[in-house]
Amino acid sequence: MKKDITCTDSYEAQKLASLIYIKDDNEIFINGILEIIENEIIISLKDKSAHSILFKDRFQAESFADFIQSVIDGTNKITETKVHEDIVEITKK
């Protein structure tokens, strides 16, 4: 399943793609979603740090949260991420 997520700009898109980061064992680096505030998501990483990502709008933020939750839960795995300007294309299986 593929999902295109639109961020506020190319910097936020690059940041999101780098925070998804697929390790060698196909695990993502995101540990959980701490909060959604309008078009912003605060995520926690496995290294215990927290980061903010700005999306184009609230719909994009909620869409990303819904899409990534099955990966955080271990039901699905991220297989690929691509960045095209302000859009991150995420593929999971």
PDB file of N, CA and C in Angstrom:
ATOM      1  N   MET A   1       0.840  -1.167   0.000  1.00  0.00           N
ATOM      2  CA  MET A   1       0.000   0.000   0.000  1.00  0.00           C
ATOM      3  C   MET A   1       0.890   1.236   0.000  1.00  0.00           C
ATOM      4  N   LYS A   2       0.573   2.188  -0.893  1.00  0.00           N
ATOM      5  CA  LYS A   2       1.319   3.441  -1.001  1.00  0.00           C
ATOM      6  C   LYS A   2       0.470   4.591  -0.518  1.00  0.00           C
ATOM      7  N   LYS A   3       1.156   5.579   0.053  1.00  0.00           N
ATOM      8  CA  LYS A   3       0.474   6.778   0.534  1.00  0.00           C
ATOM      9  C   LYS A   3       1.358   7.971   0.244  1.00  0.00           C
ATOM     10  N   ASP A   4       0.785   9.010  -0.354  1.00  0.00           N
ATOM     11  CA  ASP A   4       1.486  10.272  -0.544  1.00  0.00           C
ATOM     12  C   ASP A   4       1.062  11.220   0.564  1.00  0.00           C
ATOM     13  N   ILE A   5       2.036  11.746   1.280  1.00  0.00           N
ATOM     14  CA  ILE A   5       1.797  12.676   2.377  1.00  0.00           C
ATOM     15  C   ILE A   5       2.426  14.015   2.001  1.00  0.00           C
ATOM     16  N   THR A   6       1.654  15.085   2.083  1.00  0.00           N
ATOM     17  CA  THR A   6       2.151  16.412   1.729  1.00  0.00           C
ATOM     18  C   THR A   6       2.504  17.200   2.982  1.00  0.00           C
ATOM     19  N   CYS A   7       3.738  17.669   3.015  1.00  0.00           N
ATOM     20  CA  CYS A   7       4.234  18.483   4.127  1.00  0.00           C
ATOM     21  C   CYS A   7       4.154  19.964   3.744  1.00  0.00           C
ATOM     22  N   THR A   8       4.489  20.846   4.677  1.00  0.00           N
ATOM     23  CA  THR A   8       4.418  22.286   4.396  1.00  0.00           C
ATOM     24  C   THR A   8       5.445  22.727   3.366  1.00  0.00           C
ATOM     25  N   ASP A   9       6.602  22.051   3.329  1.00  0.00           N
ATOM     26  CA  ASP A   9       7.643  22.392   2.361  1.00  0.00           C
ATOM     27  C   ASP A   9       8.596  21.210   2.201  1.00  0.00           C
ATOM     28  N   SER A  10       9.600  21.381   1.348  1.00  0.00           N
ATOM     29  CA  SER A  10      10.535  20.284   1.069  1.00  0.00           C
ATOM     30  C   SER A  10      11.394  19.940   2.286  1.00  0.00           C
ATOM     31  N   TYR A  11      11.690  20.934   3.133  1.00  0.00           N
ATOM     32  CA  TYR A  11      12.474  20.667   4.342  1.00  0.00           C
ATOM     33  C   TYR A  11      11.720  19.700   5.264  1.00  0.00           C
ATOM     34  N   GLU A  12      10.433  19.955   5.487  1.00  0.00           N
ATOM     35  CA  GLU A  12       9.629  19.085   6.352  1.00  0.00           C
ATOM     36  C   GLU A  12       9.487  17.692   5.737  1.00  0.00           C
ATOM     37  N   ALA A  13       9.387  17.627   4.421  1.00  0.00           N
ATOM     38  CA  ALA A  13       9.286  16.330   3.740  1.00  0.00           C
ATOM     39  C   ALA A  13      10.571  15.521   3.927  1.00  0.00           C
ATOM     40  N   GLN A  14      11.717  16.176   3.765  1.00  0.00           N
ATOM     41  CA  GLN A  14      13.002  15.501   3.972  1.00  0.00           C
ATOM     42  C   GLN A  14      13.134  15.044   5.424  1.00  0.00           C
ATOM     43  N   LYS A  15      12.707  15.902   6.344  1.00  0.00           N
ATOM     44  CA  LYS A  15      12.779  15.560   7.770  1.00  0.00           C
ATOM     45  C   LYS A  15      11.915  14.338   8.070  1.00  0.00           C
ATOM     46  N   LEU A  16      10.687  14.319   7.541  1.00  0.00           N
ATOM     47  CA  LEU A  16       9.803  13.172   7.758  1.00  0.00           C
ATOM     48  C   LEU A  16      10.421  11.893   7.214  1.00  0.00           C
ATOM     49  N   ALA A  17      10.931  11.951   6.000  1.00  0.00           N
ATOM     50  CA  ALA A  17      11.542  10.766   5.390  1.00  0.00           C
ATOM     51  C   ALA A  17      12.730  10.267   6.207  1.00  0.00           C
ATOM     52  N   SER A  18      13.526  11.186   6.734  1.00  0.00           N
ATOM     53  CA  SER A  18      14.691  10.768   7.515  1.00  0.00           C
ATOM     54  C   SER A  18      14.279  10.211   8.881  1.00  0.00           C
ATOM     55  N   LEU A  19      13.183  10.698   9.442  1.00  0.00           N
ATOM     56  CA  LEU A  19      12.731  10.186  10.738  1.00  0.00           C
ATOM     57  C   LEU A  19      12.042   8.831  10.613  1.00  0.00           C
ATOM     58  N   ILE A  20      11.489   8.545   9.441  1.00  0.00           N
ATOM     59  CA  ILE A  20      10.909   7.217   9.225  1.00  0.00           C
ATOM     60  C   ILE A  20      12.023   6.177   9.226  1.00  0.00           C
ATOM     61  N   TYR A  21      13.141   6.506   8.626  1.00  0.00           N
ATOM     62  CA  TYR A  21      14.367   5.708   8.604  1.00  0.00           C
ATOM     63  C   TYR A  21      14.170   4.216   8.806  1.00  0.00           C
ATOM     64  N   ILE A  22      14.434   3.455   7.775  1.00  0.00           N
ATOM     65  CA  ILE A  22      14.320   2.008   7.844  1.00  0.00           C
ATOM     66  C   ILE A  22      15.670   1.435   8.264  1.00  0.00           C
ATOM     67  N   LYS A  23      15.685   0.755   9.390  1.00  0.00           N
ATOM     68  CA  LYS A  23      16.908   0.102   9.850  1.00  0.00           C
ATOM     69  C   LYS A  23      17.145  -1.161   9.028  1.00  0.00           C
ATOM     70  N   ASP A  24      18.280  -1.811   9.238  1.00  0.00           N
ATOM     71  CA  ASP A  24      18.614  -3.035   8.515  1.00  0.00           C
ATOM     72  C   ASP A  24      17.579  -4.132   8.727  1.00  0.00           C
ATOM     73  N   ASP A  25      16.959  -4.170   9.899  1.00  0.00           N
ATOM     74  CA  ASP A  25      15.979  -5.218  10.188  1.00  0.00           C
ATOM     75  C   ASP A  25      14.558  -4.787   9.816  1.00  0.00           C
ATOM     76  N   ASN A  26      14.443  -3.781   8.928  1.00  0.00           N
ATOM     77  CA  ASN A  26      13.158  -3.277   8.431  1.00  0.00           C
ATOM     78  C   ASN A  26      12.243  -2.721   9.510  1.00  0.00           C
ATOM     79  N   GLU A  27      12.804  -2.210  10.582  1.00  0.00           N
ATOM     80  CA  GLU A  27      12.021  -1.530  11.616  1.00  0.00           C
ATOM     81  C   GLU A  27      12.119  -0.039  11.395  1.00  0.00           C
ATOM     82  N   ILE A  28      11.048   0.669  11.694  1.00  0.00           N
ATOM     83  CA  ILE A  28      11.111   2.121  11.598  1.00  0.00           C
ATOM     84  C   ILE A  28      11.689   2.687  12.888  1.00  0.00           C
ATOM     85  N   PHE A  29      12.117   3.918  12.814  1.00  0.00           N
ATOM     86  CA  PHE A  29      12.724   4.586  13.956  1.00  0.00           C
ATOM     87  C   PHE A  29      11.676   5.279  14.817  1.00  0.00           C
ATOM     88  N   ILE A  30      10.452   5.439  14.279  1.00  0.00           N
ATOM     89  CA  ILE A  30       9.372   6.088  15.021  1.00  0.00           C
ATOM     90  C   ILE A  30       8.817   5.114  16.064  1.00  0.00           C
ATOM     91  N   ASN A  31       8.727   5.591  17.291  1.00  0.00           N
ATOM     92  CA  ASN A  31       8.220   4.771  18.388  1.00  0.00           C
ATOM     93  C   ASN A  31       6.733   5.015  18.639  1.00  0.00           C
ATOM     94  N   GLY A  32       6.274   6.229  18.368  1.00  0.00           N
ATOM     95  CA  GLY A  32       4.878   6.539  18.587  1.00  0.00           C
ATOM     96  C   GLY A  32       4.542   7.966  18.236  1.00  0.00           C
ATOM     97  N   ILE A  33       3.243   8.253  18.196  1.00  0.00           N
ATOM     98  CA  ILE A  33       2.763   9.606  17.958  1.00  0.00           C
ATOM     99  C   ILE A  33       2.317  10.163  19.290  1.00  0.00           C
ATOM    100  N   LEU A  34       2.939  11.259  19.704  1.00  0.00           N
ATOM    101  CA  LEU A  34       2.642  11.852  21.000  1.00  0.00           C
ATOM    102  C   LEU A  34       1.417  12.754  20.942  1.00  0.00           C
ATOM    103  N   GLU A  35       1.311  13.549  19.864  1.00  0.00           N
ATOM    104  CA  GLU A  35       0.194  14.490  19.782  1.00  0.00           C
ATOM    105  C   GLU A  35       0.036  15.014  18.365  1.00  0.00           C
ATOM    106  N   ILE A  36      -1.208  15.327  18.007  1.00  0.00           N
ATOM    107  CA  ILE A  36      -1.506  16.013  16.757  1.00  0.00           C
ATOM    108  C   ILE A  36      -2.105  17.364  17.138  1.00  0.00           C
ATOM    109  N   ILE A  37      -1.481  18.441  16.664  1.00  0.00           N
ATOM    110  CA  ILE A  37      -1.956  19.797  16.929  1.00  0.00           C
ATOM    111  C   ILE A  37      -2.136  20.472  15.574  1.00  0.00           C
ATOM    112  N   GLU A  38      -3.391  20.591  15.148  1.00  0.00           N
ATOM    113  CA  GLU A  38      -3.714  21.145  13.827  1.00  0.00           C
ATOM    114  C   GLU A  38      -2.959  20.373  12.738  1.00  0.00           C
ATOM    115  N   ASN A  39      -1.993  21.018  12.061  1.00  0.00           N
ATOM    116  CA  ASN A  39      -1.249  20.355  10.983  1.00  0.00           C
ATOM    117  C   ASN A  39       0.124  19.853  11.434  1.00  0.00           C
ATOM    118  N   GLU A  40       0.331  19.760  12.737  1.00  0.00           N
ATOM    119  CA  GLU A  40       1.628  19.351  13.292  1.00  0.00           C
ATOM    120  C   GLU A  40       1.485  18.046  14.071  1.00  0.00           C
ATOM    121  N   ILE A  41       2.441  17.155  13.863  1.00  0.00           N
ATOM    122  CA  ILE A  41       2.490  15.910  14.633  1.00  0.00           C
ATOM    123  C   ILE A  41       3.788  15.894  15.424  1.00  0.00           C
ATOM    124  N   ILE A  42       3.677  15.551  16.692  1.00  0.00           N
ATOM    125  CA  ILE A  42       4.856  15.349  17.533  1.00  0.00           C
ATOM    126  C   ILE A  42       5.039  13.835  17.631  1.00  0.00           C
ATOM    127  N   ILE A  43       6.202  13.356  17.191  1.00  0.00           N
ATOM    128  CA  ILE A  43       6.473  11.922  17.228  1.00  0.00           C
ATOM    129  C   ILE A  43       7.615  11.637  18.192  1.00  0.00           C
ATOM    130  N   SER A  44       7.578  10.458  18.797  1.00  0.00           N
ATOM    131  CA  SER A  44       8.696  10.020  19.626  1.00  0.00           C
ATOM    132  C   SER A  44       9.470   8.973  18.839  1.00  0.00           C
ATOM    133  N   LEU A  45      10.763   9.007  19.022  1.00  0.00           N
ATOM    134  CA  LEU A  45      11.636   8.053  18.342  1.00  0.00           C
ATOM    135  C   LEU A  45      12.141   7.020  19.334  1.00  0.00           C
ATOM    136  N   LYS A  46      12.694   5.961  18.811  1.00  0.00           N
ATOM    137  CA  LYS A  46      13.188   4.883  19.677  1.00  0.00           C
ATOM    138  C   LYS A  46      14.362   5.324  20.538  1.00  0.00           C
ATOM    139  N   ASP A  47      15.023   6.430  20.186  1.00  0.00           N
ATOM    140  CA  ASP A  47      16.116   6.936  21.017  1.00  0.00           C
ATOM    141  C   ASP A  47      15.600   7.863  22.115  1.00  0.00           C
ATOM    142  N   LYS A  48      14.272   7.899  22.309  1.00  0.00           N
ATOM    143  CA  LYS A  48      13.581   8.666  23.356  1.00  0.00           C
ATOM    144  C   LYS A  48      13.470  10.158  23.051  1.00  0.00           C
ATOM    145  N   SER A  49      13.893  10.599  21.861  1.00  0.00           N
ATOM    146  CA  SER A  49      13.742  12.004  21.494  1.00  0.00           C
ATOM    147  C   SER A  49      12.355  12.237  20.886  1.00  0.00           C
ATOM    148  N   ALA A  50      11.937  13.490  20.830  1.00  0.00           N
ATOM    149  CA  ALA A  50      10.657  13.861  20.225  1.00  0.00           C
ATOM    150  C   ALA A  50      10.911  14.891  19.139  1.00  0.00           C
ATOM    151  N   HIS A  51      10.148  14.795  18.054  1.00  0.00           N
ATOM    152  CA  HIS A  51      10.329  15.694  16.917  1.00  0.00           C
ATOM    153  C   HIS A  51       8.985  16.128  16.372  1.00  0.00           C
ATOM    154  N   SER A  52       8.967  17.307  15.810  1.00  0.00           N
ATOM    155  CA  SER A  52       7.763  17.885  15.229  1.00  0.00           C
ATOM    156  C   SER A  52       7.850  17.841  13.709  1.00  0.00           C
ATOM    157  N   ILE A  53       6.750  17.471  13.067  1.00  0.00           N
ATOM    158  CA  ILE A  53       6.650  17.483  11.615  1.00  0.00           C
ATOM    159  C   ILE A  53       5.443  18.344  11.252  1.00  0.00           C
ATOM    160  N   LEU A  54       5.630  19.272  10.302  1.00  0.00           N
ATOM    161  CA  LEU A  54       4.537  20.120   9.851  1.00  0.00           C
ATOM    162  C   LEU A  54       4.004  19.625   8.513  1.00  0.00           C
ATOM    163  N   PHE A  55       2.724  19.348   8.475  1.00  0.00           N
ATOM    164  CA  PHE A  55       2.058  18.870   7.276  1.00  0.00           C
ATOM    165  C   PHE A  55       1.289  20.007   6.616  1.00  0.00           C
ATOM    166  N   LYS A  56       0.864  19.795   5.386  1.00  0.00           N
ATOM    167  CA  LYS A  56       0.144  20.827   4.630  1.00  0.00           C
ATOM    168  C   LYS A  56      -1.111  21.287   5.372  1.00  0.00           C
ATOM    169  N   ASP A  57      -1.831  20.339   5.965  1.00  0.00           N
ATOM    170  CA  ASP A  57      -3.052  20.666   6.703  1.00  0.00           C
ATOM    171  C   ASP A  57      -3.354  19.547   7.696  1.00  0.00           C
ATOM    172  N   ARG A  58      -4.402  19.722   8.468  1.00  0.00           N
ATOM    173  CA  ARG A  58      -4.774  18.732   9.484  1.00  0.00           C
ATOM    174  C   ARG A  58      -5.113  17.377   8.852  1.00  0.00           C
ATOM    175  N   PHE A  59      -5.757  17.403   7.698  1.00  0.00           N
ATOM    176  CA  PHE A  59      -6.102  16.159   7.011  1.00  0.00           C
ATOM    177  C   PHE A  59      -4.846  15.339   6.711  1.00  0.00           C
ATOM    178  N   GLN A  60      -3.781  15.988   6.217  1.00  0.00           N
ATOM    179  CA  GLN A  60      -2.534  15.280   5.917  1.00  0.00           C
ATOM    180  C   GLN A  60      -1.898  14.715   7.194  1.00  0.00           C
ATOM    181  N   ALA A  61      -1.948  15.477   8.262  1.00  0.00           N
ATOM    182  CA  ALA A  61      -1.389  15.013   9.542  1.00  0.00           C
ATOM    183  C   ALA A  61      -2.137  13.779  10.039  1.00  0.00           C
ATOM    184  N   GLU A  62      -3.456  13.828  10.010  1.00  0.00           N
ATOM    185  CA  GLU A  62      -4.258  12.692  10.467  1.00  0.00           C
ATOM    186  C   GLU A  62      -4.113  11.493   9.538  1.00  0.00           C
ATOM    187  N   SER A  63      -3.992  11.762   8.244  1.00  0.00           N
ATOM    188  CA  SER A  63      -3.798  10.690   7.266  1.00  0.00           C
ATOM    189  C   SER A  63      -2.479   9.954   7.518  1.00  0.00           C
ATOM    190  N   PHE A  64      -1.414  10.720   7.795  1.00  0.00           N
ATOM    191  CA  PHE A  64      -0.124  10.098   8.115  1.00  0.00           C
ATOM    192  C   PHE A  64      -0.231   9.281   9.403  1.00  0.00           C
ATOM    193  N   ALA A  65      -0.863   9.838  10.413  1.00  0.00           N
ATOM    194  CA  ALA A  65      -1.003   9.139  11.698  1.00  0.00           C
ATOM    195  C   ALA A  65      -1.740   7.811  11.509  1.00  0.00           C
ATOM    196  N   ASP A  66      -2.824   7.822  10.746  1.00  0.00           N
ATOM    197  CA  ASP A  66      -3.575   6.592  10.485  1.00  0.00           C
ATOM    198  C   ASP A  66      -2.738   5.579   9.719  1.00  0.00           C
ATOM    199  N   PHE A  67      -2.010   6.065   8.705  1.00  0.00           N
ATOM    200  CA  PHE A  67      -1.209   5.187   7.855  1.00  0.00           C
ATOM    201  C   PHE A  67      -0.066   4.545   8.627  1.00  0.00           C
ATOM    202  N   ILE A  68       0.599   5.314   9.477  1.00  0.00           N
ATOM    203  CA  ILE A  68       1.807   4.832  10.158  1.00  0.00           C
ATOM    204  C   ILE A  68       1.487   3.996  11.393  1.00  0.00           C
ATOM    205  N   GLN A  69       0.269   4.109  11.932  1.00  0.00           N
ATOM    206  CA  GLN A  69      -0.065   3.409  13.177  1.00  0.00           C
ATOM    207  C   GLN A  69       0.090   1.892  13.051  1.00  0.00           C
ATOM    208  N   SER A  70      -0.311   1.307  11.924  1.00  0.00           N
ATOM    209  CA  SER A  70      -0.172  -0.146  11.750  1.00  0.00           C
ATOM    210  C   SER A  70       1.300  -0.556  11.704  1.00  0.00           C
ATOM    211  N   VAL A  71       2.161   0.364  11.257  1.00  0.00           N
ATOM    212  CA  VAL A  71       3.598   0.079  11.232  1.00  0.00           C
ATOM    213  C   VAL A  71       4.161   0.159  12.651  1.00  0.00           C
ATOM    214  N   ILE A  72       3.730   1.163  13.403  1.00  0.00           N
ATOM    215  CA  ILE A  72       4.166   1.298  14.794  1.00  0.00           C
ATOM    216  C   ILE A  72       3.731   0.084  15.605  1.00  0.00           C
ATOM    217  N   ASP A  73       2.510  -0.404  15.336  1.00  0.00           N
ATOM    218  CA  ASP A  73       1.970  -1.569  16.038  1.00  0.00           C
ATOM    219  C   ASP A  73       2.614  -2.882  15.604  1.00  0.00           C
ATOM    220  N   GLY A  74       3.363  -2.867  14.501  1.00  0.00           N
ATOM    221  CA  GLY A  74       4.032  -4.077  14.027  1.00  0.00           C
ATOM    222  C   GLY A  74       3.220  -4.905  13.057  1.00  0.00           C
ATOM    223  N   THR A  75       2.045  -4.429  12.668  1.00  0.00           N
ATOM    224  CA  THR A  75       1.196  -5.154  11.714  1.00  0.00           C
ATOM    225  C   THR A  75       1.764  -5.079  10.307  1.00  0.00           C
ATOM    226  N   ASN A  76       2.267  -3.903   9.926  1.00  0.00           N
ATOM    227  CA  ASN A  76       2.856  -3.687   8.605  1.00  0.00           C
ATOM    228  C   ASN A  76       4.302  -3.225   8.754  1.00  0.00           C
ATOM    229  N   LYS A  77       5.015  -3.217   7.622  1.00  0.00           N
ATOM    230  CA  LYS A  77       6.397  -2.746   7.595  1.00  0.00           C
ATOM    231  C   LYS A  77       6.563  -1.744   6.455  1.00  0.00           C
ATOM    232  N   ILE A  78       7.367  -0.720   6.682  1.00  0.00           N
ATOM    233  CA  ILE A  78       7.710   0.237   5.638  1.00  0.00           C
ATOM    234  C   ILE A  78       8.725  -0.426   4.716  1.00  0.00           C
ATOM    235  N   THR A  79       8.476  -0.363   3.418  1.00  0.00           N
ATOM    236  CA  THR A  79       9.411  -0.959   2.468  1.00  0.00           C
ATOM    237  C   THR A  79      10.193   0.090   1.685  1.00  0.00           C
ATOM    238  N   GLU A  80       9.604   1.312   1.593  1.00  0.00           N
ATOM    239  CA  GLU A  80      10.286   2.337   0.804  1.00  0.00           C
ATOM    240  C   GLU A  80       9.719   3.721   1.129  1.00  0.00           C
ATOM    241  N   THR A  81      10.582   4.721   1.058  1.00  0.00           N
ATOM    242  CA  THR A  81      10.141   6.115   1.139  1.00  0.00           C
ATOM    243  C   THR A  81      10.843   6.896   0.030  1.00  0.00           C
ATOM    244  N   LYS A  82      10.096   7.789  -0.613  1.00  0.00           N
ATOM    245  CA  LYS A  82      10.644   8.658  -1.652  1.00  0.00           C
ATOM    246  C   LYS A  82      10.154  10.065  -1.375  1.00  0.00           C
ATOM    247  N   VAL A  83      11.023  11.035  -1.624  1.00  0.00           N
ATOM    248  CA  VAL A  83      10.655  12.434  -1.431  1.00  0.00           C
ATOM    249  C   VAL A  83      10.630  13.126  -2.790  1.00  0.00           C
ATOM    250  N   HIS A  84       9.528  13.808  -3.073  1.00  0.00           N
ATOM    251  CA  HIS A  84       9.364  14.611  -4.290  1.00  0.00           C
ATOM    252  C   HIS A  84       8.922  15.999  -3.843  1.00  0.00           C
ATOM    253  N   GLU A  85       9.899  16.892  -3.688  1.00  0.00           N
ATOM    254  CA  GLU A  85       9.655  18.252  -3.204  1.00  0.00           C
ATOM    255  C   GLU A  85       8.985  18.218  -1.830  1.00  0.00           C
ATOM    256  N   ASP A  86       7.714  18.590  -1.716  1.00  0.00           N
ATOM    257  CA  ASP A  86       7.050  18.613  -0.402  1.00  0.00           C
ATOM    258  C   ASP A  86       6.207  17.373  -0.140  1.00  0.00           C
ATOM    259  N   ILE A  87       6.324  16.353  -0.992  1.00  0.00           N
ATOM    260  CA  ILE A  87       5.535  15.120  -0.860  1.00  0.00           C
ATOM    261  C   ILE A  87       6.444  13.942  -0.530  1.00  0.00           C
ATOM    262  N   VAL A  88       6.034  13.167   0.473  1.00  0.00           N
ATOM    263  CA  VAL A  88       6.740  11.939   0.836  1.00  0.00           C
ATOM    264  C   VAL A  88       5.850  10.778   0.425  1.00  0.00           C
ATOM    265  N   GLU A  89       6.384   9.916  -0.428  1.00  0.00           N
ATOM    266  CA  GLU A  89       5.667   8.712  -0.850  1.00  0.00           C
ATOM    267  C   GLU A  89       6.161   7.567   0.032  1.00  0.00           C
ATOM    268  N   ILE A  90       5.247   6.997   0.796  1.00  0.00           N
ATOM    269  CA  ILE A  90       5.587   5.929   1.732  1.00  0.00           C
ATOM    270  C   ILE A  90       4.900   4.646   1.282  1.00  0.00           C
ATOM    271  N   THR A  91       5.669   3.563   1.205  1.00  0.00           N
ATOM    272  CA  THR A  91       5.107   2.272   0.821  1.00  0.00           C
ATOM    273  C   THR A  91       5.247   1.313   1.996  1.00  0.00           C
ATOM    274  N   LYS A  92       4.162   0.626   2.298  1.00  0.00           N
ATOM    275  CA  LYS A  92       4.197  -0.391   3.371  1.00  0.00           C
ATOM    276  C   LYS A  92       3.612  -1.673   2.841  1.00  0.00           C
ATOM    277  N   LYS A  93       3.992  -2.782   3.502  1.00  0.00           N
ATOM    278  CA  LYS A  93       3.403  -4.080   3.138  1.00  0.00           C
ATOM    279  C   LYS A  93       2.947  -4.787   4.381  1.00  0.00           C
TER     280      LYS A  93
END
